[in-house]
Amino acid sequence: MGPGPGPGWLAAGLLVNLAASICIVFLNKWLYVRLGFPNLSLTLVHFAATWLGLALCQALRVFAPKSLRPRQLLPLALSFCGFVVFTNLSLQSNTIGTYQLAKAMTTPAIVAIQSLFYGKSFPLRIKLTLIPITVGVFLNSYYDVKFNFLGMVFATFGVLVTSLYQVWVGAKQHELQVNSMQLLYYQAPMSSAMLLCIVPFFEPVFGEGGIFGPWTPSAVLMVLLSGIIAFMVNLSIYWIIGNTSPVTYNMFGHFKFCITLLGGYLLFKDPLSLNQVLGILCTLLGILAYTHFKLSQQEGSKSKLVQRP
């Protein structure tokens, strides 16, 4: 895998993911609310755009493909489908605030999975930072005036599948000794093929409301733009997890919900009550505590290396 990227490259990768993730949340929400574009069909467009984007990168010699067996990537491809489908269904069924704060539960889920099944240990103070994050999620979900049972079911499945997916993204890159582009290059078309078989059973393909329906040129342009941004999101997720960890990526991801909450309030008139504001502040407290402890842990590791004869 080679040495990790420098701080400058890591910061650039985080910023790309931040900008692309915020853009795609609002663009997808606009496509669902304003145009009524079908959810699974939009996900298929995202997969196909990611595949085509990587094929272009490979043709331009940005990376060299590595031969991998399909069965090695099957669990990742399945979880990739579930990750995008359930998070999109959650976004479609919930307010942006509930959608973003429910995603915060991915972090404790990842810690549990890595501790139980991968033998990874986390310091007690790192585990304690999950308490204010969980409390913040509860405050927002409980007092959200648009709370609905189906939306919370989608959000729960989204958390479980996303947690598995993100753990496997990091594990597969190290297990197969591949980088983010090499792994996604094989996994994206597998997920696209799976979803292509599923879409006709749940959504119309032709006619009104179908992916090949009578959409306006501006709608088609917005869908294509969403696909391009999805490529940037997917690639940056793989790159960040491969060079940091699933937990660190999730902690960074929690910062994004502050901007999306504000945007949801301004653009879609999603309600934002005092209890939700308290939930946001509580979650941010946990994020800041995690960041502080993680940086202290890294500094301690560096000091030990320097002192070692």
C-alpha atoms as a PDB file:
ATOM      1  CA  MET A   1       0.000   0.000   0.000  1.00  0.00           C
ATOM      2  CA  GLY A   2       2.959   2.299   0.505  1.00  0.00           C
ATOM      3  CA  PRO A   3       3.313   5.177   2.969  1.00  0.00           C
ATOM      4  CA  GLY A   4       0.243   7.216   3.887  1.00  0.00           C
ATOM      5  CA  PRO A   5      -0.488  10.611   2.382  1.00  0.00           C
ATOM      6  CA  GLY A   6       0.861  13.814   3.913  1.00  0.00           C
ATOM      7  CA  PRO A   7      -1.324  16.194   5.937  1.00  0.00           C
ATOM      8  CA  GLY A   8      -1.912  18.396   2.880  1.00  0.00           C
ATOM      9  CA  TRP A   9      -3.286  15.543   0.759  1.00  0.00           C
ATOM     10  CA  LEU A  10      -5.403  14.287   3.651  1.00  0.00           C
ATOM     11  CA  ALA A  11      -6.890  17.748   4.193  1.00  0.00           C
ATOM     12  CA  ALA A  12      -7.610  18.040   0.456  1.00  0.00           C
ATOM     13  CA  GLY A  13      -9.361  14.655   0.439  1.00  0.00           C
ATOM     14  CA  LEU A  14     -11.480  15.627   3.439  1.00  0.00           C
ATOM     15  CA  LEU A  15     -12.463  18.929   1.833  1.00  0.00           C
ATOM     16  CA  VAL A  16     -13.460  17.213  -1.439  1.00  0.00           C
ATOM     17  CA  ASN A  17     -15.612  14.763   0.510  1.00  0.00           C
ATOM     18  CA  LEU A  18     -17.132  17.582   2.589  1.00  0.00           C
ATOM     19  CA  ALA A  19     -18.114  19.681  -0.440  1.00  0.00           C
ATOM     20  CA  ALA A  20     -19.345  16.738  -2.540  1.00  0.00           C
ATOM     21  CA  SER A  21     -21.354  15.162   0.309  1.00  0.00           C
ATOM     22  CA  ILE A  22     -23.165  18.394   1.139  1.00  0.00           C
ATOM     23  CA  CYS A  23     -23.918  19.076  -2.531  1.00  0.00           C
ATOM     24  CA  ILE A  24     -25.303  15.598  -3.183  1.00  0.00           C
ATOM     25  CA  VAL A  25     -27.598  15.650  -0.132  1.00  0.00           C
ATOM     26  CA  PHE A  26     -29.308  18.842  -1.308  1.00  0.00           C
ATOM     27  CA  LEU A  27     -29.308  17.846  -4.979  1.00  0.00           C
ATOM     28  CA  ASN A  28     -30.829  14.427  -4.244  1.00  0.00           C
ATOM     29  CA  LYS A  29     -33.410  15.969  -1.924  1.00  0.00           C
ATOM     30  CA  TRP A  30     -34.307  18.468  -4.679  1.00  0.00           C
ATOM     31  CA  LEU A  31     -34.684  15.640  -7.223  1.00  0.00           C
ATOM     32  CA  TYR A  32     -36.954  13.698  -4.856  1.00  0.00           C
ATOM     33  CA  VAL A  33     -39.065  16.624  -3.632  1.00  0.00           C
ATOM     34  CA  ARG A  34     -39.278  18.884  -6.689  1.00  0.00           C
ATOM     35  CA  LEU A  35     -39.175  16.354  -9.541  1.00  0.00           C
ATOM     36  CA  GLY A  36     -40.243  13.080  -7.953  1.00  0.00           C
ATOM     37  CA  PHE A  37     -37.317  11.235  -9.538  1.00  0.00           C
ATOM     38  CA  PRO A  38     -37.343   7.512  -8.554  1.00  0.00           C
ATOM     39  CA  ASN A  39     -34.977   6.639  -5.715  1.00  0.00           C
ATOM     40  CA  LEU A  40     -33.462   3.343  -6.877  1.00  0.00           C
ATOM     41  CA  SER A  41     -33.089   4.637 -10.442  1.00  0.00           C
ATOM     42  CA  LEU A  42     -31.090   7.595  -9.144  1.00  0.00           C
ATOM     43  CA  THR A  43     -28.895   5.204  -7.181  1.00  0.00           C
ATOM     44  CA  LEU A  44     -28.294   3.202 -10.372  1.00  0.00           C
ATOM     45  CA  VAL A  45     -27.243   6.420 -12.138  1.00  0.00           C
ATOM     46  CA  HIS A  46     -24.774   7.054  -9.294  1.00  0.00           C
ATOM     47  CA  PHE A  47     -23.264   3.564  -9.601  1.00  0.00           C
ATOM     48  CA  ALA A  48     -22.968   3.826 -13.370  1.00  0.00           C
ATOM     49  CA  ALA A  49     -21.388   7.293 -13.137  1.00  0.00           C
ATOM     50  CA  THR A  50     -18.855   5.996 -10.606  1.00  0.00           C
ATOM     51  CA  TRP A  51     -17.973   3.095 -12.917  1.00  0.00           C
ATOM     52  CA  LEU A  52     -17.627   5.362 -15.978  1.00  0.00           C
ATOM     53  CA  GLY A  53     -15.587   7.899 -14.015  1.00  0.00           C
ATOM     54  CA  LEU A  54     -13.141   5.204 -12.919  1.00  0.00           C
ATOM     55  CA  ALA A  55     -12.941   3.794 -16.462  1.00  0.00           C
ATOM     56  CA  LEU A  56     -11.965   7.279 -17.661  1.00  0.00           C
ATOM     57  CA  CYS A  57      -9.346   7.569 -14.905  1.00  0.00           C
ATOM     58  CA  GLN A  58      -7.947   4.172 -15.894  1.00  0.00           C
ATOM     59  CA  ALA A  59      -7.814   5.185 -19.574  1.00  0.00           C
ATOM     60  CA  LEU A  60      -5.907   8.339 -18.561  1.00  0.00           C
ATOM     61  CA  ARG A  61      -3.493   6.109 -16.562  1.00  0.00           C
ATOM     62  CA  VAL A  62      -4.420   7.696 -13.249  1.00  0.00           C
ATOM     63  CA  PHE A  63      -4.246   4.191 -11.763  1.00  0.00           C
ATOM     64  CA  ALA A  64      -3.484   0.646 -12.912  1.00  0.00           C
ATOM     65  CA  PRO A  65      -6.174  -2.033 -12.377  1.00  0.00           C
ATOM     66  CA  LYS A  66      -5.310  -5.050 -10.269  1.00  0.00           C
ATOM     67  CA  SER A  67      -6.757  -8.499 -10.997  1.00  0.00           C
ATOM     68  CA  LEU A  68      -9.304  -9.488  -8.323  1.00  0.00           C
ATOM     69  CA  ARG A  69     -11.700 -12.430  -8.044  1.00  0.00           C
ATOM     70  CA  PRO A  70     -15.422 -11.436  -8.038  1.00  0.00           C
ATOM     71  CA  ARG A  71     -16.189 -13.545  -4.965  1.00  0.00           C
ATOM     72  CA  GLN A  72     -13.667 -11.487  -2.985  1.00  0.00           C
ATOM     73  CA  LEU A  73     -15.762  -8.372  -3.595  1.00  0.00           C
ATOM     74  CA  LEU A  74     -19.289  -9.845  -3.429  1.00  0.00           C
ATOM     75  CA  PRO A  75     -19.983  -8.880   0.233  1.00  0.00           C
ATOM     76  CA  LEU A  76     -18.674  -5.375  -0.434  1.00  0.00           C
ATOM     77  CA  ALA A  77     -20.808  -4.996  -3.568  1.00  0.00           C
ATOM     78  CA  LEU A  78     -23.952  -6.123  -1.732  1.00  0.00           C
ATOM     79  CA  SER A  79     -23.308  -3.807   1.209  1.00  0.00           C
ATOM     80  CA  PHE A  80     -22.554  -0.959  -1.227  1.00  0.00           C
ATOM     81  CA  CYS A  81     -26.038  -1.398  -2.746  1.00  0.00           C
ATOM     82  CA  GLY A  82     -27.648  -1.513   0.676  1.00  0.00           C
ATOM     83  CA  PHE A  83     -25.634   1.474   1.891  1.00  0.00           C
ATOM     84  CA  VAL A  84     -26.776   3.803  -0.896  1.00  0.00           C
ATOM     85  CA  VAL A  85     -30.326   2.465  -1.226  1.00  0.00           C
ATOM     86  CA  PHE A  86     -31.196   2.668   2.468  1.00  0.00           C
ATOM     87  CA  THR A  87     -29.527   6.047   3.026  1.00  0.00           C
ATOM     88  CA  ASN A  88     -31.384   7.441  -0.010  1.00  0.00           C
ATOM     89  CA  LEU A  89     -34.672   5.973   1.262  1.00  0.00           C
ATOM     90  CA  SER A  90     -33.952   7.543   4.653  1.00  0.00           C
ATOM     91  CA  LEU A  91     -33.288  10.898   3.000  1.00  0.00           C
ATOM     92  CA  GLN A  92     -36.498  10.589   0.975  1.00  0.00           C
ATOM     93  CA  SER A  93     -38.644   9.651   3.990  1.00  0.00           C
ATOM     94  CA  ASN A  94     -37.137  11.871   6.709  1.00  0.00           C
ATOM     95  CA  THR A  95     -36.267  15.514   7.151  1.00  0.00           C
ATOM     96  CA  ILE A  96     -32.631  16.322   6.386  1.00  0.00           C
ATOM     97  CA  GLY A  97     -32.048  16.891  10.109  1.00  0.00           C
ATOM     98  CA  THR A  98     -33.262  13.433  11.125  1.00  0.00           C
ATOM     99  CA  TYR A  99     -31.419  11.870   8.181  1.00  0.00           C
ATOM    100  CA  GLN A 100     -28.080  13.412   9.174  1.00  0.00           C
ATOM    101  CA  LEU A 101     -28.356  12.790  12.902  1.00  0.00           C
ATOM    102  CA  ALA A 102     -29.492   9.184  12.416  1.00  0.00           C
ATOM    103  CA  LYS A 103     -26.280   8.647  10.425  1.00  0.00           C
ATOM    104  CA  ALA A 104     -24.357   9.609  13.574  1.00  0.00           C
ATOM    105  CA  MET A 105     -25.339   6.199  14.983  1.00  0.00           C
ATOM    106  CA  THR A 106     -23.001   4.641  12.395  1.00  0.00           C
ATOM    107  CA  THR A 107     -20.011   5.501  14.600  1.00  0.00           C
ATOM    108  CA  PRO A 108     -20.992   3.435  17.679  1.00  0.00           C
ATOM    109  CA  ALA A 109     -22.113   0.641  15.330  1.00  0.00           C
ATOM    110  CA  ILE A 110     -18.667   0.573  13.687  1.00  0.00           C
ATOM    111  CA  VAL A 111     -16.932   0.543  17.080  1.00  0.00           C
ATOM    112  CA  ALA A 112     -19.113  -2.421  18.122  1.00  0.00           C
ATOM    113  CA  ILE A 113     -18.445  -4.356  14.891  1.00  0.00           C
ATOM    114  CA  GLN A 114     -14.675  -3.782  14.996  1.00  0.00           C
ATOM    115  CA  SER A 115     -14.519  -4.685  18.696  1.00  0.00           C
ATOM    116  CA  LEU A 116     -16.643  -7.850  18.448  1.00  0.00           C
ATOM    117  CA  PHE A 117     -15.564  -9.282  15.084  1.00  0.00           C
ATOM    118  CA  TYR A 118     -12.153  -7.756  14.271  1.00  0.00           C
ATOM    119  CA  GLY A 119     -10.531  -7.750  17.716  1.00  0.00           C
ATOM    120  CA  LYS A 120      -9.823  -4.014  17.658  1.00  0.00           C
ATOM    121  CA  SER A 121      -9.711  -2.228  21.021  1.00  0.00           C
ATOM    122  CA  PHE A 122     -10.656   1.393  21.678  1.00  0.00           C
ATOM    123  CA  PRO A 123      -9.569   3.447  24.733  1.00  0.00           C
ATOM    124  CA  LEU A 124     -12.330   4.102  27.295  1.00  0.00           C
ATOM    125  CA  ARG A 125     -12.267   7.854  26.712  1.00  0.00           C
ATOM    126  CA  ILE A 126     -12.863   7.285  22.984  1.00  0.00           C
ATOM    127  CA  LYS A 127     -15.872   5.074  23.791  1.00  0.00           C
ATOM    128  CA  LEU A 128     -17.246   7.694  26.215  1.00  0.00           C
ATOM    129  CA  THR A 129     -17.387  10.291  23.420  1.00  0.00           C
ATOM    130  CA  LEU A 130     -20.107   8.137  21.826  1.00  0.00           C
ATOM    131  CA  ILE A 131     -22.491   8.949  24.697  1.00  0.00           C
ATOM    132  CA  PRO A 132     -23.175  12.621  23.830  1.00  0.00           C
ATOM    133  CA  ILE A 133     -23.401  11.676  20.126  1.00  0.00           C
ATOM    134  CA  THR A 134     -26.043   9.027  20.892  1.00  0.00           C
ATOM    135  CA  VAL A 135     -27.944  11.397  23.204  1.00  0.00           C
ATOM    136  CA  GLY A 136     -27.917  14.056  20.482  1.00  0.00           C
ATOM    137  CA  VAL A 137     -29.373  11.609  17.964  1.00  0.00           C
ATOM    138  CA  PHE A 138     -32.106  10.629  20.440  1.00  0.00           C
ATOM    139  CA  LEU A 139     -33.037  14.250  21.160  1.00  0.00           C
ATOM    140  CA  ASN A 140     -33.397  15.091  17.490  1.00  0.00           C
ATOM    141  CA  SER A 141     -35.291  11.940  16.478  1.00  0.00           C
ATOM    142  CA  TYR A 142     -37.660  12.024  19.448  1.00  0.00           C
ATOM    143  CA  TYR A 143     -38.676  15.640  19.075  1.00  0.00           C
ATOM    144  CA  ASP A 144     -38.631  15.832  15.265  1.00  0.00           C
ATOM    145  CA  VAL A 145     -42.129  17.016  14.293  1.00  0.00           C
ATOM    146  CA  LYS A 146     -41.895  14.997  11.050  1.00  0.00           C
ATOM    147  CA  PHE A 147     -41.022  11.757  12.830  1.00  0.00           C
ATOM    148  CA  ASN A 148     -42.426   8.695  11.018  1.00  0.00           C
ATOM    149  CA  PHE A 149     -42.039   4.980  11.636  1.00  0.00           C
ATOM    150  CA  LEU A 150     -41.105   3.975   8.068  1.00  0.00           C
ATOM    151  CA  GLY A 151     -38.445   6.689   7.895  1.00  0.00           C
ATOM    152  CA  MET A 152     -36.842   5.407  11.106  1.00  0.00           C
ATOM    153  CA  VAL A 153     -36.896   1.801   9.797  1.00  0.00           C
ATOM    154  CA  PHE A 154     -34.998   2.923   6.690  1.00  0.00           C
ATOM    155  CA  ALA A 155     -32.587   4.938   8.837  1.00  0.00           C
ATOM    156  CA  THR A 156     -31.917   1.933  11.133  1.00  0.00           C
ATOM    157  CA  PHE A 157     -31.181  -0.440   8.245  1.00  0.00           C
ATOM    158  CA  GLY A 158     -29.055   2.317   6.691  1.00  0.00           C
ATOM    159  CA  VAL A 159     -26.931   2.542   9.845  1.00  0.00           C
ATOM    160  CA  LEU A 160     -26.358  -1.223  10.061  1.00  0.00           C
ATOM    161  CA  VAL A 161     -25.500  -1.729   6.384  1.00  0.00           C
ATOM    162  CA  THR A 162     -23.378   1.447   6.198  1.00  0.00           C
ATOM    163  CA  SER A 163     -21.377   0.334   9.246  1.00  0.00           C
ATOM    164  CA  LEU A 164     -20.591  -3.046   7.669  1.00  0.00           C
ATOM    165  CA  TYR A 165     -19.782  -1.399   4.352  1.00  0.00           C
ATOM    166  CA  GLN A 166     -17.333   1.097   5.825  1.00  0.00           C
ATOM    167  CA  VAL A 167     -15.573  -1.541   7.939  1.00  0.00           C
ATOM    168  CA  TRP A 168     -15.208  -3.766   4.851  1.00  0.00           C
ATOM    169  CA  VAL A 169     -13.927  -0.883   2.688  1.00  0.00           C
ATOM    170  CA  GLY A 170     -10.938  -0.437   4.981  1.00  0.00           C
ATOM    171  CA  ALA A 171     -10.449  -4.167   5.597  1.00  0.00           C
ATOM    172  CA  LYS A 172     -10.563  -5.110   1.887  1.00  0.00           C
ATOM    173  CA  GLN A 173      -8.039  -2.445   0.864  1.00  0.00           C
ATOM    174  CA  HIS A 174      -5.539  -3.842   3.347  1.00  0.00           C
ATOM    175  CA  GLU A 175      -6.446  -7.495   2.814  1.00  0.00           C
ATOM    176  CA  LEU A 176      -6.178  -7.326  -1.001  1.00  0.00           C
ATOM    177  CA  GLN A 177      -3.372  -4.717  -1.029  1.00  0.00           C
ATOM    178  CA  VAL A 178      -5.222  -2.345  -3.364  1.00  0.00           C
ATOM    179  CA  ASN A 179      -5.893   1.399  -3.311  1.00  0.00           C
ATOM    180  CA  SER A 180      -9.302   3.103  -3.359  1.00  0.00           C
ATOM    181  CA  MET A 181      -9.537   3.364  -7.161  1.00  0.00           C
ATOM    182  CA  GLN A 182      -8.472  -0.249  -7.777  1.00  0.00           C
ATOM    183  CA  LEU A 183     -11.072  -1.569  -5.333  1.00  0.00           C
ATOM    184  CA  LEU A 184     -13.938   0.642  -6.508  1.00  0.00           C
ATOM    185  CA  TYR A 185     -13.084  -0.079 -10.173  1.00  0.00           C
ATOM    186  CA  TYR A 186     -14.206  -3.707  -9.748  1.00  0.00           C
ATOM    187  CA  GLN A 187     -16.853  -3.225  -7.082  1.00  0.00           C
ATOM    188  CA  ALA A 188     -18.910  -0.432  -8.744  1.00  0.00           C
ATOM    189  CA  PRO A 189     -19.926  -2.433 -11.863  1.00  0.00           C
ATOM    190  CA  MET A 190     -20.883  -5.412  -9.678  1.00  0.00           C
ATOM    191  CA  SER A 191     -23.180  -3.190  -7.622  1.00  0.00           C
ATOM    192  CA  SER A 192     -24.571  -1.590 -10.802  1.00  0.00           C
ATOM    193  CA  ALA A 193     -25.489  -5.017 -12.236  1.00  0.00           C
ATOM    194  CA  MET A 194     -27.188  -6.022  -8.975  1.00  0.00           C
ATOM    195  CA  LEU A 195     -29.257  -2.869  -8.857  1.00  0.00           C
ATOM    196  CA  LEU A 196     -30.147  -3.108 -12.568  1.00  0.00           C
ATOM    197  CA  CYS A 197     -31.919  -6.383 -11.788  1.00  0.00           C
ATOM    198  CA  ILE A 198     -33.768  -4.895  -8.806  1.00  0.00           C
ATOM    199  CA  VAL A 199     -35.064  -1.579 -10.213  1.00  0.00           C
ATOM    200  CA  PRO A 200     -37.809  -2.996 -12.551  1.00  0.00           C
ATOM    201  CA  PHE A 201     -39.486  -4.770  -9.616  1.00  0.00           C
ATOM    202  CA  PHE A 202     -39.881  -1.590  -7.556  1.00  0.00           C
ATOM    203  CA  GLU A 203     -40.035   1.346  -9.990  1.00  0.00           C
ATOM    204  CA  PRO A 204     -41.302   2.063 -13.514  1.00  0.00           C
ATOM    205  CA  VAL A 205     -38.589   2.074 -16.159  1.00  0.00           C
ATOM    206  CA  PHE A 206     -40.463   3.790 -19.000  1.00  0.00           C
ATOM    207  CA  GLY A 207     -43.292   6.326 -19.010  1.00  0.00           C
ATOM    208  CA  GLU A 208     -44.261   8.847 -16.334  1.00  0.00           C
ATOM    209  CA  GLY A 209     -42.002   8.604 -13.271  1.00  0.00           C
ATOM    210  CA  GLY A 210     -39.593   6.108 -14.854  1.00  0.00           C
ATOM    211  CA  ILE A 211     -35.876   6.578 -15.397  1.00  0.00           C
ATOM    212  CA  PHE A 212     -36.507   6.759 -19.181  1.00  0.00           C
ATOM    213  CA  GLY A 213     -39.636   8.872 -18.769  1.00  0.00           C
ATOM    214  CA  PRO A 214     -40.392  12.298 -20.327  1.00  0.00           C
ATOM    215  CA  TRP A 215     -38.004  14.316 -18.152  1.00  0.00           C
ATOM    216  CA  THR A 216     -37.156  17.898 -19.076  1.00  0.00           C
ATOM    217  CA  PRO A 217     -33.603  18.742 -20.244  1.00  0.00           C
ATOM    218  CA  SER A 218     -32.961  20.595 -16.978  1.00  0.00           C
ATOM    219  CA  ALA A 219     -34.037  17.513 -14.984  1.00  0.00           C
ATOM    220  CA  VAL A 220     -31.727  15.268 -17.036  1.00  0.00           C
ATOM    221  CA  LEU A 221     -28.878  17.727 -16.471  1.00  0.00           C
ATOM    222  CA  MET A 222     -29.498  17.684 -12.716  1.00  0.00           C
ATOM    223  CA  VAL A 223     -29.511  13.873 -12.656  1.00  0.00           C
ATOM    224  CA  LEU A 224     -26.219  13.728 -14.581  1.00  0.00           C
ATOM    225  CA  LEU A 225     -24.714  16.319 -12.229  1.00  0.00           C
ATOM    226  CA  SER A 226     -25.839  14.185  -9.288  1.00  0.00           C
ATOM    227  CA  GLY A 227     -24.019  11.206 -10.857  1.00  0.00           C
ATOM    228  CA  ILE A 228     -20.770  13.168 -11.233  1.00  0.00           C
ATOM    229  CA  ILE A 229     -20.922  14.322  -7.610  1.00  0.00           C
ATOM    230  CA  ALA A 230     -21.724  10.750  -6.497  1.00  0.00           C
ATOM    231  CA  PHE A 231     -18.503   9.598  -8.201  1.00  0.00           C
ATOM    232  CA  MET A 232     -16.545  12.153  -6.160  1.00  0.00           C
ATOM    233  CA  VAL A 233     -18.311  11.114  -2.939  1.00  0.00           C
ATOM    234  CA  ASN A 234     -17.747   7.375  -3.468  1.00  0.00           C
ATOM    235  CA  LEU A 235     -14.101   7.753  -4.424  1.00  0.00           C
ATOM    236  CA  SER A 236     -13.315  10.126  -1.544  1.00  0.00           C
ATOM    237  CA  ILE A 237     -15.017   7.786   0.967  1.00  0.00           C
ATOM    238  CA  TYR A 238     -12.795   4.889  -0.138  1.00  0.00           C
ATOM    239  CA  TRP A 239      -9.682   7.067  -0.117  1.00  0.00           C
ATOM    240  CA  ILE A 240     -10.299   8.550   3.338  1.00  0.00           C
ATOM    241  CA  ILE A 241     -11.168   5.212   4.988  1.00  0.00           C
ATOM    242  CA  GLY A 242      -8.163   3.538   3.340  1.00  0.00           C
ATOM    243  CA  ASN A 243      -5.817   6.215   4.676  1.00  0.00           C
ATOM    244  CA  THR A 244      -7.380   6.791   8.122  1.00  0.00           C
ATOM    245  CA  SER A 245     -10.076   4.540   9.662  1.00  0.00           C
ATOM    246  CA  PRO A 246     -13.852   4.039   9.474  1.00  0.00           C
ATOM    247  CA  VAL A 247     -14.345   5.687  12.886  1.00  0.00           C
ATOM    248  CA  THR A 248     -12.264   8.752  11.992  1.00  0.00           C
ATOM    249  CA  TYR A 249     -14.151   9.114   8.701  1.00  0.00           C
ATOM    250  CA  ASN A 250     -17.452   9.002  10.580  1.00  0.00           C
ATOM    251  CA  MET A 251     -16.357  11.583  13.126  1.00  0.00           C
ATOM    252  CA  PHE A 252     -15.405  13.886  10.264  1.00  0.00           C
ATOM    253  CA  GLY A 253     -18.749  13.139   8.663  1.00  0.00           C
ATOM    254  CA  HIS A 254     -20.629  14.403  11.710  1.00  0.00           C
ATOM    255  CA  PHE A 255     -19.356  17.920  11.064  1.00  0.00           C
ATOM    256  CA  LYS A 256     -21.163  17.883   7.728  1.00  0.00           C
ATOM    257  CA  PHE A 257     -24.593  17.627   9.298  1.00  0.00           C
ATOM    258  CA  CYS A 258     -24.364  21.135  10.778  1.00  0.00           C
ATOM    259  CA  ILE A 259     -24.285  22.701   7.317  1.00  0.00           C
ATOM    260  CA  THR A 260     -26.913  20.331   5.910  1.00  0.00           C
ATOM    261  CA  LEU A 261     -29.239  21.045   8.848  1.00  0.00           C
ATOM    262  CA  LEU A 262     -29.015  24.753   8.171  1.00  0.00           C
ATOM    263  CA  GLY A 263     -29.514  24.194   4.450  1.00  0.00           C
ATOM    264  CA  GLY A 264     -32.527  21.942   5.085  1.00  0.00           C
ATOM    265  CA  TYR A 265     -34.089  24.658   7.231  1.00  0.00           C
ATOM    266  CA  LEU A 266     -33.465  27.374   4.628  1.00  0.00           C
ATOM    267  CA  LEU A 267     -34.169  25.456   1.391  1.00  0.00           C
ATOM    268  CA  PHE A 268     -36.818  22.901   2.339  1.00  0.00           C
ATOM    269  CA  LYS A 269     -38.372  24.586   5.403  1.00  0.00           C
ATOM    270  CA  ASP A 270     -37.547  21.570   7.570  1.00  0.00           C
ATOM    271  CA  PRO A 271     -38.489  22.546  11.159  1.00  0.00           C
ATOM    272  CA  LEU A 272     -35.662  23.106  13.634  1.00  0.00           C
ATOM    273  CA  SER A 273     -36.874  23.150  17.246  1.00  0.00           C
ATOM    274  CA  LEU A 274     -35.005  24.067  20.429  1.00  0.00           C
ATOM    275  CA  ASN A 275     -34.717  20.373  21.328  1.00  0.00           C
ATOM    276  CA  GLN A 276     -33.114  19.654  17.958  1.00  0.00           C
ATOM    277  CA  VAL A 277     -30.638  22.484  18.511  1.00  0.00           C
ATOM    278  CA  LEU A 278     -29.753  20.929  21.886  1.00  0.00           C
ATOM    279  CA  GLY A 279     -29.310  17.568  20.140  1.00  0.00           C
ATOM    280  CA  ILE A 280     -26.965  19.152  17.598  1.00  0.00           C
ATOM    281  CA  LEU A 281     -24.865  20.806  20.323  1.00  0.00           C
ATOM    282  CA  CYS A 282     -24.709  17.541  22.276  1.00  0.00           C
ATOM    283  CA  THR A 283     -23.521  15.644  19.192  1.00  0.00           C
ATOM    284  CA  LEU A 284     -20.927  18.311  18.399  1.00  0.00           C
ATOM    285  CA  LEU A 285     -19.611  18.046  21.962  1.00  0.00           C
ATOM    286  CA  GLY A 286     -18.961  14.341  21.443  1.00  0.00           C
ATOM    287  CA  ILE A 287     -17.260  14.986  18.086  1.00  0.00           C
ATOM    288  CA  LEU A 288     -14.960  17.653  19.518  1.00  0.00           C
ATOM    289  CA  ALA A 289     -14.064  15.395  22.461  1.00  0.00           C
ATOM    290  CA  TYR A 290     -13.224  12.514  20.092  1.00  0.00           C
ATOM    291  CA  THR A 291     -11.055  14.796  17.941  1.00  0.00           C
ATOM    292  CA  HIS A 292      -9.189  16.048  21.006  1.00  0.00           C
ATOM    293  CA  PHE A 293      -8.546  12.548  22.394  1.00  0.00           C
ATOM    294  CA  LYS A 294      -7.555  11.148  18.990  1.00  0.00           C
ATOM    295  CA  LEU A 295      -5.033  13.930  18.401  1.00  0.00           C
ATOM    296  CA  SER A 296      -3.643  13.442  21.923  1.00  0.00           C
ATOM    297  CA  GLN A 297      -3.300   9.705  21.228  1.00  0.00           C
ATOM    298  CA  GLN A 298      -1.409  10.372  17.984  1.00  0.00           C
ATOM    299  CA  GLU A 299       0.918  12.848  19.688  1.00  0.00           C
ATOM    300  CA  GLY A 300       1.604  10.289  22.424  1.00  0.00           C
ATOM    301  CA  SER A 301       2.482   7.654  19.807  1.00  0.00           C
ATOM    302  CA  LYS A 302       4.886  10.075  18.083  1.00  0.00           C
ATOM    303  CA  SER A 303       6.564  10.907  21.413  1.00  0.00           C
ATOM    304  CA  LYS A 304       7.170   7.209  22.133  1.00  0.00           C
ATOM    305  CA  LEU A 305       8.735   6.728  18.711  1.00  0.00           C
ATOM    306  CA  VAL A 306      11.043   9.703  19.224  1.00  0.00           C
ATOM    307  CA  GLN A 307      12.114   8.542  22.688  1.00  0.00           C
ATOM    308  CA  ARG A 308      12.783   4.964  21.542  1.00  0.00           C
ATOM    309  CA  PRO A 309      16.591   4.345  21.225  1.00  0.00           C
END
